[in-house]
């Protein structure tokens, strides 16, 4: 399962540099491309507002 970014995202950019496969896209609220995500969890570990979690 891929990770997803919730509406709690503050678009700070911290997660983008952590993604080893460039699966995160910028915007008002960032998004993760499920086809590229390798489920490593690096983005979730660095998110300052805990807006990233495993998709259910």
N, C-alpha and C. Protein backbone atom coordinates (compact mmCIF):
# COMPACT_ATOMS: atom_id res chain seq x y z
N UNK A 1 0.84 -1.20 0.00
CA UNK A 1 0.00 0.00 0.00
C UNK A 1 0.88 1.25 0.00
N UNK A 2 0.45 2.20 -0.75
CA UNK A 2 1.17 3.47 -0.83
C UNK A 2 0.81 4.37 0.34
N UNK A 3 1.62 5.37 0.54
CA UNK A 3 1.33 6.39 1.53
C UNK A 3 0.46 7.47 0.90
N UNK A 4 -0.30 8.18 1.71
CA UNK A 4 -1.14 9.28 1.24
C UNK A 4 -0.92 10.49 2.14
N UNK A 5 -1.22 11.66 1.59
CA UNK A 5 -1.08 12.91 2.34
C UNK A 5 -2.47 13.48 2.57
N UNK A 6 -2.78 13.78 3.82
CA UNK A 6 -4.11 14.27 4.19
C UNK A 6 -4.23 15.78 4.01
N UNK A 7 -5.44 16.27 4.25
CA UNK A 7 -5.72 17.71 4.17
C UNK A 7 -4.96 18.50 5.23
N UNK A 8 -4.36 17.82 6.18
CA UNK A 8 -3.59 18.49 7.22
C UNK A 8 -2.26 19.02 6.69
N UNK A 9 -1.89 18.64 5.48
CA UNK A 9 -0.63 19.05 4.86
C UNK A 9 -0.50 20.58 4.84
N UNK A 10 0.67 21.08 5.26
CA UNK A 10 0.92 22.52 5.24
C UNK A 10 1.87 22.91 4.10
N UNK A 11 2.14 21.97 3.19
CA UNK A 11 2.97 22.21 2.02
C UNK A 11 4.33 22.83 2.37
N UNK A 12 4.97 22.28 3.38
CA UNK A 12 6.25 22.83 3.84
C UNK A 12 7.43 22.35 3.00
N UNK A 13 7.26 21.23 2.29
CA UNK A 13 8.32 20.72 1.44
C UNK A 13 9.27 19.74 2.08
N UNK A 14 9.13 19.49 3.35
CA UNK A 14 10.05 18.60 4.06
C UNK A 14 10.07 17.19 3.46
N UNK A 15 8.92 16.69 3.08
CA UNK A 15 8.81 15.32 2.59
C UNK A 15 9.43 15.12 1.21
N UNK A 16 9.41 16.14 0.38
CA UNK A 16 9.87 15.99 -1.00
C UNK A 16 11.33 15.54 -1.07
N UNK A 17 12.19 16.14 -0.29
CA UNK A 17 13.60 15.77 -0.31
C UNK A 17 13.86 14.38 0.24
N UNK A 18 12.93 13.86 1.04
CA UNK A 18 13.12 12.55 1.64
C UNK A 18 12.69 11.40 0.73
N UNK A 19 11.87 11.67 -0.27
CA UNK A 19 11.35 10.60 -1.13
C UNK A 19 12.43 10.13 -2.11
N UNK A 20 12.84 8.86 -2.02
CA UNK A 20 13.90 8.36 -2.88
C UNK A 20 13.47 8.12 -4.33
N UNK A 21 12.16 8.12 -4.59
CA UNK A 21 11.67 7.83 -5.95
C UNK A 21 10.89 8.99 -6.55
N UNK A 22 10.97 10.16 -5.95
CA UNK A 22 10.29 11.36 -6.45
C UNK A 22 8.79 11.13 -6.70
N UNK A 23 8.12 10.50 -5.74
CA UNK A 23 6.70 10.20 -5.88
C UNK A 23 5.80 11.32 -5.37
N UNK A 24 6.37 12.35 -4.76
CA UNK A 24 5.58 13.43 -4.15
C UNK A 24 5.53 14.63 -5.08
N UNK A 25 4.30 15.12 -5.30
CA UNK A 25 4.09 16.30 -6.14
C UNK A 25 3.68 17.48 -5.29
N UNK A 26 4.19 18.67 -5.66
CA UNK A 26 3.86 19.88 -4.93
C UNK A 26 2.49 20.41 -5.33
N UNK A 27 1.91 21.20 -4.45
CA UNK A 27 0.63 21.85 -4.69
C UNK A 27 0.19 22.51 -3.41
N UNK A 28 -1.05 22.98 -3.36
CA UNK A 28 -1.56 23.55 -2.11
C UNK A 28 -1.48 22.50 -1.01
N UNK A 29 -1.82 21.29 -1.39
CA UNK A 29 -1.63 20.12 -0.53
C UNK A 29 -0.85 19.15 -1.39
N UNK A 30 0.24 18.63 -0.90
CA UNK A 30 1.08 17.73 -1.68
C UNK A 30 0.35 16.40 -1.90
N UNK A 31 0.78 15.65 -2.91
CA UNK A 31 0.18 14.35 -3.18
C UNK A 31 1.28 13.35 -3.50
N UNK A 32 0.96 12.08 -3.30
CA UNK A 32 1.90 10.99 -3.54
C UNK A 32 1.34 10.12 -4.66
N UNK A 33 2.17 9.86 -5.66
CA UNK A 33 1.79 8.98 -6.77
C UNK A 33 1.90 7.54 -6.28
N UNK A 34 0.76 6.88 -6.14
CA UNK A 34 0.72 5.52 -5.60
C UNK A 34 1.50 4.53 -6.46
N UNK A 35 1.58 4.78 -7.76
CA UNK A 35 2.31 3.88 -8.64
C UNK A 35 3.82 3.98 -8.46
N UNK A 36 4.29 5.11 -7.99
CA UNK A 36 5.73 5.30 -7.77
C UNK A 36 6.16 5.00 -6.34
N UNK A 37 5.25 5.18 -5.39
CA UNK A 37 5.56 5.01 -3.97
C UNK A 37 6.03 3.58 -3.67
N UNK A 38 7.15 3.48 -2.95
CA UNK A 38 7.71 2.17 -2.59
C UNK A 38 7.42 1.79 -1.14
N UNK A 39 6.57 2.54 -0.48
CA UNK A 39 6.17 2.26 0.91
C UNK A 39 7.32 2.31 1.90
N UNK A 40 8.32 3.13 1.63
CA UNK A 40 9.47 3.18 2.53
C UNK A 40 9.16 3.93 3.83
N UNK A 41 8.22 4.89 3.77
CA UNK A 41 7.83 5.63 4.96
C UNK A 41 8.72 6.80 5.32
N UNK A 42 9.72 7.09 4.51
CA UNK A 42 10.63 8.20 4.81
C UNK A 42 9.89 9.52 4.92
N UNK A 43 8.91 9.73 4.07
CA UNK A 43 8.16 10.99 4.08
C UNK A 43 7.36 11.14 5.38
N UNK A 44 6.72 10.06 5.80
CA UNK A 44 5.90 10.10 7.01
C UNK A 44 6.75 10.39 8.25
N UNK A 45 7.97 9.89 8.26
CA UNK A 45 8.85 10.08 9.41
C UNK A 45 9.24 11.54 9.60
N UNK A 46 9.32 12.32 8.52
CA UNK A 46 9.78 13.70 8.63
C UNK A 46 8.65 14.73 8.62
N UNK A 47 7.42 14.32 8.38
CA UNK A 47 6.31 15.28 8.30
C UNK A 47 6.06 15.93 9.67
N UNK A 48 6.19 17.26 9.74
CA UNK A 48 6.06 17.94 11.03
C UNK A 48 4.62 18.00 11.58
N UNK A 49 3.64 17.72 10.72
CA UNK A 49 2.24 17.77 11.18
C UNK A 49 1.55 16.41 11.08
N UNK A 50 2.32 15.36 10.89
CA UNK A 50 1.79 13.98 10.79
C UNK A 50 0.66 13.87 9.78
N UNK A 51 0.84 14.49 8.60
CA UNK A 51 -0.19 14.47 7.56
C UNK A 51 -0.02 13.30 6.59
N UNK A 52 0.99 12.47 6.79
CA UNK A 52 1.26 11.36 5.87
C UNK A 52 1.06 10.04 6.58
N UNK A 53 0.28 9.16 5.94
CA UNK A 53 0.01 7.85 6.53
C UNK A 53 -0.16 6.80 5.44
N UNK A 54 -0.21 5.54 5.83
CA UNK A 54 -0.41 4.47 4.87
C UNK A 54 -1.86 4.49 4.40
N UNK A 55 -2.06 4.36 3.10
CA UNK A 55 -3.41 4.36 2.54
C UNK A 55 -4.17 3.14 3.04
N UNK A 56 -5.43 3.33 3.29
CA UNK A 56 -6.25 2.20 3.79
C UNK A 56 -7.22 1.74 2.75
